[in-house]
Amino acid sequence: MKKILVINVGSTSTKVAYYEDRDCKCKANLEHPTEELAKFGDVMEQKDYRREKVEQFCRENGIDIKSLDAITARGGHTRPITGGVYEINDIMLREQASGEFGRHPSDVGSAIAYKMAEGTSAKAFVVDPPVTDEYFPLARYGGHPLMPRQSRFHALSHKATAKRYCRENGLDYEHINLITIHLGGGSSIAMHSNGKMIDGTNGIEGDGPFSTNRSGVLIAKYLADIIYSEKYTKEEVYKMIQGKGGLMAYLGEQDVQKCSEMAKTDPHAREVLEAMMYQTAKFAAGVSVAVNGKVDQILITGGIAHSKWLTDILKERLSFIAPITLYPGENEMESLSTGTYEALTGQVEIKRIED
């Protein structure tokens, strides 16, 4: 039996779960009040604070850390790497701590897993981290050499959903073409072909459809005009792209459920939500050209996938490409544990970042 602790660090909470083989025995969403997090500067300073919360969860649930086979985190920002299960090492931790490749609370998770595994027989892993990069060459062109397209999106969710579909339908992920659409706090799209995500959208940095608080693609001239108007700081422009774009900019609200309630009586709110789904469908259709339209299945996941109204819009606009399957909600914890179990049992290779 393999004992696995899974840690998924978010902006204001840390999700943690304990698995024995593939079975989840207990889990919790550890909330971190804003006033507590405000005591820290850089997010990496939170690692000891968050680790203590995770260790407290273990104590309260009778989990002996020394008996664990693996402690797995979602993974953070390093140099671009291919997907898979990676053993956390000093090189990975150094690159995440540097901030050179981006910064997100998920960077803290790797440091926590590594520290908790020290002095035990447990291995520390990350699975399909957000810097997973499997783009084919043509997908990297952004229209100017100084602005290449980069693979940064919900890699774990996309990989997990694709593999789950294959597993449940007796299909080989290495020999199938799938489009996955993640609809959550941010949205992203991926084109899977022969076991790799060969194209996708980077919503964090202004690519793809607009979402709850992200702008997606903007007209370059308008963005340049805003920047050189000197009315906004660099930080304020960044916020337009991520944080105060999308639904937040149009409706002053990023909660899709609340926006959907608004849409029942407000035609403008309804049109904005329909436009968000239209853009999502347009970009999903766009990545299909990477395989000349030969898509076997389209998969929709994430919290917004619970909305029948919104997913019906996608189905209507995308069903001409391929059949569509829904996987509502997030399945990241299960994905992390499954990847770890497969690595521990020799079903998949354990990779490492090397100098």
Protein backbone atom coordinates (compact mmCIF):
# COMPACT_ATOMS: atom_id res chain seq x y z
CA MET A 1 0.00 0.00 0.00
CA LYS A 2 1.31 3.44 -0.97
CA LYS A 3 0.69 6.31 1.45
CA ILE A 4 0.53 9.67 -0.31
CA LEU A 5 0.06 13.20 1.01
CA VAL A 6 -1.05 15.76 -1.58
CA ILE A 7 -0.61 19.54 -1.19
CA ASN A 8 -2.16 22.14 -3.49
CA VAL A 9 -1.29 25.72 -2.52
CA GLY A 10 -3.59 28.50 -3.73
CA SER A 11 -3.73 32.24 -3.15
CA THR A 12 -5.68 32.19 0.12
CA SER A 13 -5.96 28.50 0.95
CA THR A 14 -4.03 25.24 0.94
CA LYS A 15 -5.81 22.06 -0.10
CA VAL A 16 -4.43 18.91 1.44
CA ALA A 17 -5.45 15.26 1.14
CA TYR A 18 -4.19 11.87 2.29
CA TYR A 19 -4.44 8.84 -0.01
CA GLU A 20 -3.78 5.15 0.45
CA ASP A 21 -3.12 3.87 -3.06
CA ARG A 22 -5.93 5.52 -5.06
CA ASP A 23 -8.34 5.99 -2.15
CA CYS A 24 -8.70 9.37 -0.46
CA LYS A 25 -8.94 8.80 3.31
CA CYS A 26 -9.26 12.42 4.38
CA LYS A 27 -8.95 15.92 2.96
CA ALA A 28 -9.33 19.57 3.94
CA ASN A 29 -9.27 23.05 2.51
CA LEU A 30 -7.12 25.08 4.91
CA GLU A 31 -8.23 28.72 4.68
CA HIS A 32 -5.66 31.47 5.33
CA PRO A 33 -7.20 34.77 6.45
CA THR A 34 -6.09 37.83 4.49
CA GLU A 35 -4.83 39.53 7.63
CA GLU A 36 -2.50 36.59 8.35
CA LEU A 37 -1.09 36.50 4.83
CA ALA A 38 -0.62 40.28 4.93
CA LYS A 39 2.20 39.76 7.44
CA PHE A 40 4.37 38.34 4.69
CA GLY A 41 6.10 40.11 1.82
CA ASP A 42 6.99 37.76 -1.02
CA VAL A 43 4.75 34.69 -1.16
CA MET A 44 7.79 32.42 -0.60
CA GLU A 45 7.97 33.80 2.94
CA GLN A 46 4.74 31.89 3.69
CA LYS A 47 6.32 28.43 3.43
CA ASP A 48 6.84 27.83 7.17
CA TYR A 49 3.41 29.25 8.03
CA ARG A 50 1.66 27.03 5.50
CA ARG A 51 3.78 23.98 6.33
CA GLU A 52 2.70 24.19 9.97
CA LYS A 53 -0.95 24.19 8.84
CA VAL A 54 -0.34 21.07 6.73
CA GLU A 55 1.48 19.31 9.58
CA GLN A 56 -1.37 20.22 11.91
CA PHE A 57 -3.78 18.54 9.46
CA CYS A 58 -1.60 15.42 9.63
CA ARG A 59 -1.59 15.42 13.43
CA GLU A 60 -5.36 15.88 13.63
CA ASN A 61 -5.94 12.98 11.24
CA GLY A 62 -3.40 10.58 12.73
CA ILE A 63 -1.10 10.67 9.71
CA ASP A 64 2.48 9.74 10.54
CA ILE A 65 4.63 11.79 8.17
CA LYS A 66 7.53 9.35 8.58
CA SER A 67 5.37 6.51 7.25
CA LEU A 68 4.51 8.29 3.99
CA ASP A 69 5.78 7.02 0.65
CA ALA A 70 5.41 10.37 -1.08
CA ILE A 71 4.51 14.00 -0.50
CA THR A 72 3.33 15.65 -3.70
CA ALA A 73 2.72 19.29 -4.56
CA ARG A 74 1.08 20.92 -7.56
CA GLY A 75 4.37 22.39 -8.71
CA GLY A 76 5.57 25.89 -9.44
CA HIS A 77 7.54 28.01 -11.86
CA THR A 78 10.83 26.77 -13.28
CA ARG A 79 12.32 26.65 -16.76
CA PRO A 80 9.84 25.11 -19.25
CA ILE A 81 9.70 21.31 -18.93
CA THR A 82 7.69 18.48 -20.49
CA GLY A 83 4.78 17.02 -18.56
CA GLY A 84 5.12 14.20 -16.07
CA VAL A 85 6.07 13.40 -12.48
CA TYR A 86 9.20 15.20 -11.23
CA GLU A 87 11.15 14.54 -8.07
CA ILE A 88 11.73 17.83 -6.27
CA ASN A 89 15.42 18.69 -6.00
CA ASP A 90 17.60 21.69 -5.16
CA ILE A 91 17.64 22.88 -8.77
CA MET A 92 13.85 23.02 -8.94
CA LEU A 93 13.61 24.82 -5.60
CA ARG A 94 16.27 27.33 -6.60
CA GLU A 95 14.52 28.20 -9.86
CA GLN A 96 11.14 28.57 -8.15
CA ALA A 97 12.55 30.77 -5.41
CA SER A 98 14.28 33.05 -7.91
CA GLY A 99 11.03 34.33 -9.42
CA GLU A 100 12.79 34.40 -12.79
CA PHE A 101 10.20 32.12 -14.37
CA GLY A 102 7.12 33.62 -12.71
CA ARG A 103 5.64 33.74 -9.25
CA HIS A 104 2.53 32.05 -7.85
CA PRO A 105 1.60 30.65 -4.42
CA SER A 106 1.97 27.16 -5.94
CA ASP A 107 5.75 27.75 -5.83
CA VAL A 108 5.48 27.44 -2.05
CA GLY A 109 4.01 23.93 -2.28
CA SER A 110 7.20 22.39 -3.64
CA ALA A 111 9.24 23.88 -0.81
CA ILE A 112 6.77 22.52 1.75
CA ALA A 113 6.75 19.01 0.27
CA TYR A 114 10.55 18.91 0.08
CA LYS A 115 10.97 20.11 3.68
CA MET A 116 8.40 17.67 5.07
CA ALA A 117 10.07 14.75 3.26
CA GLU A 118 13.51 15.56 4.69
CA GLY A 119 14.70 12.95 7.14
CA THR A 120 12.02 10.45 6.07
CA SER A 121 11.86 7.76 3.39
CA ALA A 122 9.17 9.69 1.53
CA LYS A 123 9.86 11.08 -1.93
CA ALA A 124 8.82 14.64 -2.79
CA PHE A 125 7.16 15.15 -6.19
CA VAL A 126 5.36 17.60 -8.44
CA VAL A 127 3.04 16.49 -11.24
CA ASP A 128 2.44 18.29 -14.55
CA PRO A 129 3.45 21.72 -13.20
CA PRO A 130 2.13 24.96 -14.75
CA VAL A 131 5.33 25.43 -16.79
CA THR A 132 4.70 22.19 -18.70
CA ASP A 133 5.73 22.98 -22.28
CA GLU A 134 5.06 20.55 -25.12
CA TYR A 135 4.16 23.04 -27.86
CA PHE A 136 5.11 22.16 -31.42
CA PRO A 137 7.26 24.75 -33.21
CA LEU A 138 4.53 26.57 -35.16
CA ALA A 139 2.55 27.21 -31.96
CA ARG A 140 5.38 29.28 -30.49
CA TYR A 141 5.18 32.16 -32.98
CA GLY A 142 3.54 35.27 -31.55
CA GLY A 143 3.85 37.62 -34.49
CA HIS A 144 7.08 39.28 -33.36
CA PRO A 145 10.40 37.74 -32.27
CA LEU A 146 10.32 39.72 -29.01
CA MET A 147 6.91 38.31 -28.10
CA PRO A 148 6.86 34.51 -28.53
CA ARG A 149 3.87 32.48 -27.34
CA GLN A 150 4.60 30.51 -24.17
CA SER A 151 3.00 27.43 -22.65
CA ARG A 152 1.65 28.59 -19.28
CA PHE A 153 -1.77 27.38 -18.27
CA HIS A 154 -3.69 24.82 -16.17
CA ALA A 155 -1.43 21.96 -17.29
CA LEU A 156 -2.35 19.65 -14.40
CA SER A 157 -6.09 20.02 -15.01
CA HIS A 158 -5.77 19.55 -18.76
CA LYS A 159 -3.54 16.47 -18.52
CA ALA A 160 -5.63 14.91 -15.77
CA THR A 161 -8.91 15.40 -17.59
CA ALA A 162 -7.52 14.01 -20.84
CA LYS A 163 -6.03 10.96 -19.12
CA ARG A 164 -9.20 10.38 -17.09
CA TYR A 165 -11.29 10.34 -20.27
CA CYS A 166 -8.90 7.86 -21.87
CA ARG A 167 -8.79 5.68 -18.76
CA GLU A 168 -12.60 5.55 -18.48
CA ASN A 169 -13.04 4.75 -22.16
CA GLY A 170 -10.23 2.25 -22.67
CA LEU A 171 -8.27 4.60 -24.92
CA ASP A 172 -4.53 5.28 -25.21
CA TYR A 173 -3.60 8.90 -24.41
CA GLU A 174 -0.53 8.47 -26.58
CA HIS A 175 -2.67 7.81 -29.68
CA ILE A 176 -5.58 10.24 -29.56
CA ASN A 177 -6.40 13.89 -30.36
CA LEU A 178 -8.32 15.76 -27.65
CA ILE A 179 -9.25 19.37 -26.93
CA THR A 180 -9.59 20.21 -23.24
CA ILE A 181 -11.27 23.39 -21.98
CA HIS A 182 -10.67 24.43 -18.37
CA LEU A 183 -13.30 26.90 -17.11
CA GLY A 184 -12.41 28.14 -13.63
CA GLY A 185 -11.11 31.28 -11.95
CA GLY A 186 -9.18 31.57 -15.20
CA SER A 187 -9.85 29.74 -18.45
CA SER A 188 -7.46 27.93 -20.77
CA ILE A 189 -7.58 25.56 -23.71
CA ALA A 190 -5.22 22.79 -24.78
CA MET A 191 -4.83 20.64 -27.88
CA HIS A 192 -3.55 17.15 -27.03
CA SER A 193 -2.04 14.99 -29.74
CA ASN A 194 -0.13 11.74 -29.26
CA GLY A 195 0.43 12.31 -25.54
CA LYS A 196 1.50 15.97 -25.71
CA MET A 197 -0.22 19.33 -25.36
CA ILE A 198 0.97 20.78 -28.64
CA ASP A 199 -0.90 24.12 -28.46
CA GLY A 200 -3.00 26.07 -26.00
CA THR A 201 -3.87 29.45 -24.53
CA ASN A 202 -2.01 31.42 -21.86
CA GLY A 203 -4.75 33.41 -20.14
CA ILE A 204 -2.47 34.71 -17.38
CA GLU A 205 -0.40 36.79 -19.76
CA GLY A 206 -3.10 37.87 -22.22
CA ASP A 207 -3.77 35.00 -24.61
CA GLY A 208 -6.99 33.21 -25.47
CA PRO A 209 -10.57 34.14 -24.43
CA PHE A 210 -11.43 36.54 -21.64
CA SER A 211 -12.53 34.88 -18.41
CA THR A 212 -13.62 35.81 -14.90
CA ASN A 213 -10.88 38.37 -14.20
CA ARG A 214 -8.49 37.98 -17.14
CA SER A 215 -8.66 39.94 -20.36
CA GLY A 216 -7.41 37.31 -22.76
CA VAL A 217 -6.26 38.64 -26.12
CA LEU A 218 -6.48 42.43 -26.50
CA ILE A 219 -6.19 44.61 -29.61
CA ALA A 220 -2.49 45.51 -29.64
CA LYS A 221 -3.02 49.10 -30.83
CA TYR A 222 -5.55 49.85 -28.07
CA LEU A 223 -3.20 48.40 -25.47
CA ALA A 224 -0.31 50.51 -26.80
CA ASP A 225 -2.52 53.63 -26.71
CA ILE A 226 -3.45 52.92 -23.07
CA ILE A 227 0.17 52.37 -22.07
CA TYR A 228 1.41 55.59 -23.71
CA SER A 229 -1.52 57.69 -22.50
CA GLU A 230 0.39 57.91 -19.19
CA LYS A 231 -2.95 57.63 -17.37
CA TYR A 232 -2.06 54.24 -15.90
CA THR A 233 0.93 52.74 -14.14
CA LYS A 234 2.58 49.56 -15.34
CA GLU A 235 0.98 47.70 -12.44
CA GLU A 236 -2.47 49.04 -13.34
CA VAL A 237 -2.09 47.87 -16.94
CA TYR A 238 -1.02 44.44 -15.70
CA LYS A 239 -4.17 44.36 -13.57
CA MET A 240 -6.26 45.03 -16.67
CA ILE A 241 -4.74 41.87 -18.17
CA GLN A 242 -4.98 39.73 -15.05
CA GLY A 243 -7.09 40.56 -12.00
CA LYS A 244 -9.39 43.29 -13.26
CA GLY A 245 -10.08 42.14 -16.81
CA GLY A 246 -12.84 39.93 -18.20
CA LEU A 247 -16.09 39.74 -16.23
CA MET A 248 -14.58 41.93 -13.52
CA ALA A 249 -14.05 44.76 -16.02
CA TYR A 250 -17.43 44.41 -17.73
CA LEU A 251 -19.67 43.62 -14.74
CA GLY A 252 -17.65 44.50 -11.63
CA GLU A 253 -17.99 40.89 -10.47
CA GLN A 254 -15.94 37.75 -11.14
CA ASP A 255 -18.15 35.13 -9.48
CA VAL A 256 -19.86 33.38 -12.39
CA GLN A 257 -22.82 32.30 -10.27
CA LYS A 258 -23.49 35.89 -9.26
CA CYS A 259 -23.01 37.07 -12.85
CA SER A 260 -25.46 34.40 -14.01
CA GLU A 261 -28.04 35.69 -11.52
CA MET A 262 -27.47 39.20 -12.87
CA ALA A 263 -28.00 37.88 -16.39
CA LYS A 264 -31.56 36.79 -15.56
CA THR A 265 -32.69 40.43 -15.44
CA ASP A 266 -29.80 42.33 -17.05
CA PRO A 267 -29.45 41.91 -20.86
CA HIS A 268 -25.93 43.38 -20.77
CA ALA A 269 -24.75 40.81 -18.21
CA ARG A 270 -26.29 38.04 -20.29
CA GLU A 271 -24.53 39.27 -23.42
CA VAL A 272 -21.14 39.49 -21.64
CA LEU A 273 -21.40 35.88 -20.43
CA GLU A 274 -22.47 34.71 -23.86
CA ALA A 275 -19.51 36.62 -25.36
CA MET A 276 -17.14 34.88 -22.91
CA MET A 277 -18.42 31.50 -24.10
CA TYR A 278 -18.29 32.61 -27.74
CA GLN A 279 -14.63 33.58 -27.37
CA THR A 280 -13.89 30.31 -25.57
CA ALA A 281 -15.47 28.33 -28.41
CA LYS A 282 -13.61 30.39 -31.01
CA PHE A 283 -10.20 29.68 -29.45
CA ALA A 284 -11.06 26.02 -28.88
CA ALA A 285 -11.98 25.69 -32.54
CA GLY A 286 -8.76 27.49 -33.42
CA VAL A 287 -6.44 24.95 -31.80
CA SER A 288 -8.11 22.17 -33.79
CA VAL A 289 -6.16 23.27 -36.87
CA ALA A 290 -3.02 21.92 -35.17
CA VAL A 291 -4.34 18.43 -36.08
CA ASN A 292 -6.12 19.52 -39.28
CA GLY A 293 -9.47 19.27 -37.52
CA LYS A 294 -9.07 15.57 -36.72
CA VAL A 295 -10.26 15.82 -33.11
CA ASP A 296 -11.61 12.71 -31.39
CA GLN A 297 -13.26 14.37 -28.39
CA ILE A 298 -13.68 17.72 -26.64
CA LEU A 299 -13.58 17.74 -22.82
CA ILE A 300 -14.85 20.58 -20.62
CA THR A 301 -13.79 20.82 -16.96
CA GLY A 302 -13.49 23.33 -14.12
CA GLY A 303 -16.00 24.96 -11.78
CA ILE A 304 -17.89 26.83 -14.51
CA ALA A 305 -18.57 23.49 -16.21
CA HIS A 306 -21.34 23.04 -13.60
CA SER A 307 -23.38 25.69 -15.48
CA LYS A 308 -25.65 23.95 -17.99
CA TRP A 309 -26.51 27.27 -19.63
CA LEU A 310 -22.89 28.17 -20.35
CA THR A 311 -21.72 24.69 -21.36
CA ASP A 312 -24.73 24.36 -23.69
CA ILE A 313 -23.44 27.43 -25.53
CA LEU A 314 -20.08 25.71 -26.01
CA LYS A 315 -21.74 22.48 -27.11
CA GLU A 316 -23.82 24.30 -29.71
CA ARG A 317 -20.79 26.07 -31.17
CA LEU A 318 -18.25 23.22 -30.96
CA SER A 319 -20.15 19.99 -31.58
CA PHE A 320 -19.42 20.24 -35.32
CA ILE A 321 -15.77 19.46 -34.49
CA ALA A 322 -16.14 16.44 -32.19
CA PRO A 323 -18.36 14.93 -29.47
CA ILE A 324 -18.22 16.74 -26.11
CA THR A 325 -17.89 15.30 -22.58
CA LEU A 326 -18.25 17.28 -19.35
CA TYR A 327 -16.10 16.83 -16.25
CA PRO A 328 -17.43 19.58 -13.94
CA GLY A 329 -15.36 20.77 -10.99
CA GLU A 330 -11.67 20.57 -10.25
CA ASN A 331 -9.92 17.22 -10.06
CA GLU A 332 -6.43 18.43 -9.22
CA MET A 333 -6.04 16.53 -5.94
CA GLU A 334 -7.04 13.24 -7.51
CA SER A 335 -4.75 14.01 -10.45
CA LEU A 336 -1.78 14.64 -8.17
CA SER A 337 -2.37 11.44 -6.23
CA THR A 338 -2.89 9.35 -9.36
CA GLY A 339 0.31 10.61 -10.96
CA THR A 340 2.22 9.94 -7.76
CA TYR A 341 0.80 6.43 -7.36
CA GLU A 342 1.73 5.59 -10.95
CA ALA A 343 5.27 6.87 -10.35
CA LEU A 344 5.68 4.91 -7.11
CA THR A 345 4.45 1.72 -8.76
CA GLY A 346 6.68 2.09 -11.82
CA GLN A 347 3.89 2.79 -14.30
CA VAL A 348 5.38 6.16 -15.29
CA GLU A 349 8.91 7.53 -15.32
CA ILE A 350 10.13 9.75 -12.48
CA LYS A 351 11.85 12.77 -14.03
CA ARG A 352 14.30 15.32 -12.62
CA ILE A 353 15.41 18.81 -13.59
CA GLU A 354 19.13 18.75 -14.25
CA ASP A 355 21.74 21.52 -14.58
